[in-house]
N, C-alpha and C. Protein backbone atom coordinates (compact mmCIF):
# COMPACT_ATOMS: atom_id res chain seq x y z
N MET A 1 88.80 51.07 98.91
CA MET A 1 87.80 52.22 99.19
C MET A 1 88.14 53.34 98.60
N LEU A 2 87.09 54.08 97.92
CA LEU A 2 87.32 55.09 97.18
C LEU A 2 86.67 56.42 98.11
N ILE A 3 87.65 57.51 98.09
CA ILE A 3 87.23 58.64 98.83
C ILE A 3 87.18 59.71 97.75
N ILE A 4 86.25 60.42 98.07
CA ILE A 4 86.22 61.53 96.85
C ILE A 4 86.04 62.93 97.59
N TYR A 5 86.90 63.69 97.14
CA TYR A 5 87.02 65.08 98.06
C TYR A 5 87.45 65.99 97.27
N GLY A 6 87.31 67.41 97.64
CA GLY A 6 87.44 68.56 97.01
C GLY A 6 86.91 69.70 97.37
N THR A 7 87.15 70.85 96.66
CA THR A 7 86.66 72.17 97.19
C THR A 7 85.40 72.75 96.13
N LYS A 8 84.72 73.42 96.63
CA LYS A 8 83.57 74.11 95.91
C LYS A 8 83.43 75.63 96.25
N ASP A 9 83.20 76.53 95.25
CA ASP A 9 83.07 77.93 95.59
C ASP A 9 81.57 78.24 95.49
N PHE A 10 81.17 78.98 96.65
CA PHE A 10 79.95 79.59 96.72
C PHE A 10 79.96 81.16 96.76
N ARG A 11 79.18 81.57 96.02
CA ARG A 11 79.06 83.12 95.62
C ARG A 11 77.74 83.56 96.02
N ARG A 12 78.03 84.99 96.62
CA ARG A 12 76.75 85.76 97.12
C ARG A 12 77.23 87.11 96.61
N VAL A 13 76.32 87.74 95.63
CA VAL A 13 76.51 89.13 95.25
C VAL A 13 75.91 89.96 96.42
N LYS A 14 77.02 90.96 96.66
CA LYS A 14 76.53 91.99 97.91
C LYS A 14 76.22 93.34 97.34
N GLY A 15 76.29 93.65 96.03
CA GLY A 15 76.04 94.95 95.40
C GLY A 15 76.65 94.98 94.22
N LYS A 16 76.75 96.47 93.64
CA LYS A 16 77.22 96.77 92.34
C LYS A 16 78.15 98.11 92.46
N THR A 17 78.88 98.32 91.53
CA THR A 17 79.57 99.64 91.71
C THR A 17 78.64 100.57 91.30
N ALA A 18 79.22 102.00 91.81
CA ALA A 18 78.35 103.12 91.62
C ALA A 18 78.56 103.70 90.25
N LYS A 19 79.81 103.44 89.52
CA LYS A 19 80.11 103.70 88.27
C LYS A 19 80.24 102.42 87.45
N GLU A 20 80.19 102.84 86.23
CA GLU A 20 80.67 101.72 85.31
C GLU A 20 81.91 101.51 85.25
N MET A 21 82.58 100.32 85.11
CA MET A 21 84.02 100.09 84.99
C MET A 21 84.45 99.64 83.64
N HIS A 22 85.58 99.84 83.29
CA HIS A 22 86.05 99.25 82.10
C HIS A 22 86.95 97.91 82.45
N CYS A 23 86.60 96.55 81.70
CA CYS A 23 87.08 95.71 81.96
C CYS A 23 88.42 95.49 80.95
N GLN A 24 89.56 95.27 81.31
CA GLN A 24 90.68 95.04 80.50
C GLN A 24 90.63 93.76 79.74
N ASN A 25 89.85 92.69 80.15
CA ASN A 25 89.76 91.41 79.65
C ASN A 25 88.94 91.32 78.67
N CYS A 26 87.70 91.80 78.55
CA CYS A 26 86.65 91.77 77.45
C CYS A 26 86.34 93.15 76.79
N GLY A 27 86.82 94.30 77.51
CA GLY A 27 86.94 95.62 76.94
C GLY A 27 85.28 96.20 76.78
N MET A 28 84.56 95.83 77.79
CA MET A 28 83.27 96.25 78.06
C MET A 28 83.16 97.29 79.32
N ASP A 29 82.32 98.29 79.02
CA ASP A 29 82.02 99.26 80.24
C ASP A 29 80.60 98.50 80.83
N SER A 30 80.85 98.27 82.04
CA SER A 30 79.44 97.80 82.89
C SER A 30 79.53 97.97 84.10
N GLN A 31 78.36 97.86 85.14
CA GLN A 31 78.64 97.90 86.42
C GLN A 31 79.01 96.49 86.99
N TRP A 32 80.13 96.55 87.79
CA TRP A 32 80.60 95.26 88.18
C TRP A 32 79.96 95.08 89.42
N LYS A 33 79.80 93.62 89.89
CA LYS A 33 79.19 92.95 91.02
C LYS A 33 80.31 92.97 92.15
N LEU A 34 79.99 93.30 93.38
CA LEU A 34 80.81 93.10 94.47
C LEU A 34 80.32 91.72 95.05
N THR A 35 81.09 90.67 95.14
CA THR A 35 80.88 88.99 95.35
C THR A 35 81.56 88.82 96.67
N ASN A 36 81.09 88.17 97.55
CA ASN A 36 81.72 87.35 98.34
C ASN A 36 82.00 85.90 98.01
N VAL A 37 83.11 85.44 97.95
CA VAL A 37 83.23 84.00 97.47
C VAL A 37 83.93 83.19 98.63
N TRP A 38 83.05 82.20 99.11
CA TRP A 38 83.63 81.21 100.04
C TRP A 38 84.08 79.92 99.24
N THR A 39 85.06 79.32 99.71
CA THR A 39 85.69 78.02 99.32
C THR A 39 85.53 76.93 100.49
N TRP A 40 84.69 76.01 100.11
CA TRP A 40 84.43 74.99 101.05
C TRP A 40 85.18 73.74 100.74
N PHE A 41 85.80 72.94 101.72
CA PHE A 41 86.10 71.58 101.52
C PHE A 41 84.82 70.71 101.66
N SER A 42 85.08 69.69 100.51
CA SER A 42 83.95 68.78 100.38
C SER A 42 84.23 67.42 100.45
N LEU A 43 83.51 66.40 101.02
CA LEU A 43 83.63 65.04 101.12
C LEU A 43 82.63 64.44 100.57
N TYR A 44 82.73 63.48 99.46
CA TYR A 44 81.64 62.85 99.00
C TYR A 44 80.53 63.86 98.46
N TYR A 45 80.94 65.09 97.82
CA TYR A 45 80.11 66.09 97.35
C TYR A 45 79.18 66.76 98.68
N ILE A 46 79.60 66.66 99.71
CA ILE A 46 78.96 67.48 100.69
C ILE A 46 79.89 68.27 101.45
N PRO A 47 79.48 69.78 101.29
CA PRO A 47 80.39 70.69 101.87
C PRO A 47 80.33 70.48 103.22
N LEU A 48 81.68 70.65 103.85
CA LEU A 48 81.93 70.26 105.37
C LEU A 48 82.25 71.63 106.12
N PHE A 49 83.19 72.34 105.65
CA PHE A 49 83.82 73.62 106.32
C PHE A 49 84.33 74.45 105.38
N PRO A 50 84.32 75.57 105.55
CA PRO A 50 84.79 76.69 104.76
C PRO A 50 86.21 76.72 104.90
N VAL A 51 87.11 76.85 103.88
CA VAL A 51 88.68 76.80 103.70
C VAL A 51 89.05 78.33 103.61
N TRP A 52 88.59 79.20 102.98
CA TRP A 52 88.80 80.61 102.81
C TRP A 52 87.79 81.38 102.19
N LYS A 53 87.76 82.79 102.80
CA LYS A 53 86.52 83.57 102.05
C LYS A 53 87.43 84.85 101.29
N LYS A 54 86.85 85.34 100.30
CA LYS A 54 87.52 86.62 99.76
C LYS A 54 86.41 87.31 98.99
N LYS A 55 86.57 88.68 99.00
CA LYS A 55 85.69 89.52 98.41
C LYS A 55 86.48 89.90 96.92
N MET A 56 85.60 89.95 96.02
CA MET A 56 85.92 90.38 94.54
C MET A 56 84.93 91.23 93.99
N LEU A 57 85.37 92.03 93.01
CA LEU A 57 84.69 92.89 92.19
C LEU A 57 84.62 91.98 90.74
N VAL A 58 83.61 91.51 90.20
CA VAL A 58 83.43 90.64 89.06
C VAL A 58 82.85 91.29 87.95
N CYS A 59 83.38 91.15 86.78
CA CYS A 59 82.86 91.79 85.82
C CYS A 59 81.65 90.84 84.93
N PRO A 60 80.50 91.43 84.81
CA PRO A 60 79.17 90.52 84.68
C PRO A 60 79.29 89.71 83.19
N ASN A 61 80.23 90.30 82.59
CA ASN A 61 80.29 89.94 81.01
C ASN A 61 81.12 88.71 80.78
N CYS A 62 82.40 88.75 81.45
CA CYS A 62 83.41 87.79 81.30
C CYS A 62 83.76 86.94 82.53
N SER A 63 83.51 87.39 83.76
CA SER A 63 83.70 87.01 84.98
C SER A 63 85.07 87.02 85.28
N CYS A 64 85.69 87.97 84.83
CA CYS A 64 87.10 88.28 85.38
C CYS A 64 86.76 89.26 86.52
N GLY A 65 87.86 88.97 87.58
CA GLY A 65 87.42 89.69 88.76
C GLY A 65 88.78 90.22 89.60
N ILE A 66 88.47 91.42 90.37
CA ILE A 66 89.75 92.02 91.03
C ILE A 66 89.49 91.38 92.56
N LYS A 67 90.42 90.88 92.92
CA LYS A 67 90.27 90.66 94.39
C LYS A 67 90.38 91.64 95.30
N ILE A 68 89.54 91.84 96.26
CA ILE A 68 89.85 92.90 97.24
C ILE A 68 90.63 92.51 98.37
N THR A 69 91.84 93.21 98.52
CA THR A 69 92.68 92.97 99.63
C THR A 69 92.87 94.25 100.57
N LYS A 70 93.42 94.01 101.58
CA LYS A 70 93.85 95.28 102.34
C LYS A 70 94.57 96.32 101.79
N ASP A 71 95.57 96.02 100.95
CA ASP A 71 96.30 96.85 100.10
C ASP A 71 95.51 97.70 99.13
N ASN A 72 94.55 97.15 98.41
CA ASN A 72 93.49 98.13 97.46
C ASN A 72 92.24 98.43 97.92
N GLN A 73 91.92 98.16 99.16
CA GLN A 73 90.49 98.52 99.79
C GLN A 73 90.31 99.98 99.38
N GLU A 74 91.19 100.84 99.68
CA GLU A 74 91.15 102.38 99.64
C GLU A 74 90.89 102.60 98.19
N LEU A 75 91.46 101.98 97.28
CA LEU A 75 91.50 102.24 95.84
C LEU A 75 89.84 102.19 95.30
N LEU A 76 89.41 100.93 95.89
CA LEU A 76 88.23 100.54 95.46
C LEU A 76 86.85 101.12 96.18
N ASN A 77 87.20 101.63 97.39
CA ASN A 77 85.93 102.11 98.36
C ASN A 77 85.21 103.13 97.41
N ASP A 78 85.76 104.11 96.89
CA ASP A 78 84.94 104.98 96.02
C ASP A 78 84.05 104.57 95.01
N VAL A 79 84.40 103.36 94.41
CA VAL A 79 83.47 102.87 93.22
C VAL A 79 82.37 101.83 93.52
N VAL A 80 82.77 101.44 94.84
CA VAL A 80 81.71 100.13 95.28
C VAL A 80 80.60 100.76 96.09
N LEU A 81 79.44 100.30 95.73
CA LEU A 81 78.26 100.96 96.43
C LEU A 81 77.43 99.67 96.62
N LYS A 82 77.38 99.28 98.25
CA LYS A 82 76.56 98.02 98.63
C LYS A 82 74.97 98.41 98.57
N SER A 83 74.44 97.42 98.16
CA SER A 83 72.86 97.54 97.93
C SER A 83 72.18 96.27 98.22
N SER A 84 70.76 96.28 98.39
CA SER A 84 70.14 95.04 98.48
C SER A 84 69.77 94.71 97.04
N LYS A 85 69.29 93.56 96.80
CA LYS A 85 69.10 92.97 95.42
C LYS A 85 68.04 93.76 94.65
N ASP A 86 67.03 94.40 95.60
CA ASP A 86 65.99 95.17 94.94
C ASP A 86 66.12 96.34 94.37
N LYS A 87 66.88 97.11 94.99
CA LYS A 87 67.35 98.52 94.69
C LYS A 87 68.23 98.45 93.34
N GLU A 88 67.65 99.41 92.54
CA GLU A 88 68.61 99.62 91.31
C GLU A 88 69.34 101.04 91.36
N ILE A 89 70.73 100.82 91.04
CA ILE A 89 71.72 101.75 91.31
C ILE A 89 71.81 102.67 90.29
N PRO A 90 71.84 103.91 90.42
CA PRO A 90 72.03 105.00 89.24
C PRO A 90 73.53 104.62 88.72
N VAL A 91 73.63 104.55 87.33
CA VAL A 91 74.83 104.60 86.82
C VAL A 91 75.34 105.79 86.23
N SER A 92 76.65 106.14 86.67
CA SER A 92 77.41 107.36 86.22
C SER A 92 77.74 107.08 84.69
N PRO A 93 77.73 108.02 83.88
CA PRO A 93 78.01 107.98 82.46
C PRO A 93 79.36 107.76 82.11
N ALA A 94 80.26 108.14 83.08
CA ALA A 94 81.71 108.13 82.67
C ALA A 94 82.08 106.76 83.34
N PRO A 95 82.82 105.93 82.56
CA PRO A 95 83.33 104.75 82.90
C PRO A 95 84.57 104.76 83.85
N THR A 96 84.66 104.26 84.80
CA THR A 96 85.95 104.15 85.64
C THR A 96 86.99 103.25 85.40
N GLN A 97 88.15 103.84 85.32
CA GLN A 97 89.41 103.02 84.96
C GLN A 97 90.27 102.60 86.17
N ILE A 98 90.12 101.28 86.54
CA ILE A 98 90.91 101.00 87.53
C ILE A 98 92.38 100.33 86.91
N SER A 99 93.41 100.53 87.53
CA SER A 99 94.72 100.03 87.25
C SER A 99 94.68 98.63 87.68
N MET A 100 95.06 97.69 86.68
CA MET A 100 95.10 96.25 87.01
C MET A 100 96.32 95.88 87.86
N TYR A 101 97.20 96.96 87.66
CA TYR A 101 98.49 96.76 88.52
C TYR A 101 98.29 97.15 89.62
N ALA A 102 97.49 98.01 90.08
CA ALA A 102 97.17 98.23 91.53
C ALA A 102 96.30 97.02 92.33
N ALA A 103 95.62 96.39 91.58
CA ALA A 103 94.73 95.40 92.17
C ALA A 103 94.94 94.13 91.69
N GLU A 104 94.82 93.22 92.35
CA GLU A 104 95.11 91.69 92.03
C GLU A 104 94.17 91.19 91.24
N THR A 105 94.23 90.53 89.99
CA THR A 105 93.15 90.07 89.19
C THR A 105 93.04 88.56 89.27
N GLU A 106 91.97 88.10 89.25
CA GLU A 106 91.74 86.54 89.00
C GLU A 106 90.63 86.44 87.88
N GLU A 107 90.85 85.11 87.30
CA GLU A 107 89.93 84.93 86.23
C GLU A 107 89.20 83.64 86.69
N LYS A 108 88.00 83.49 86.59
CA LYS A 108 87.03 82.47 86.89
C LYS A 108 86.19 81.86 85.72
């Protein structure tokens, strides 16, 4: 009997950053996306239950992200602006530099 199991990520964009941020991976300045990521356990390609949830800031160019934890929440509060998908967020001309040492990074 063959059992097929694994995990699958589901993402939902919850907003964008208020300022442009500089990505140290690709070198571009852009508004990053605030994204909720749920990882689900799946059996025979059917998602059954969530395993874990995390919040991330994701670069739209290279999909490199900063995982938002309790430790770096205060650091990222001033740059994150939650919004609906319909609203356009005004962009500040000066890019924000966030130290990757203060925030845990993940590449997807």
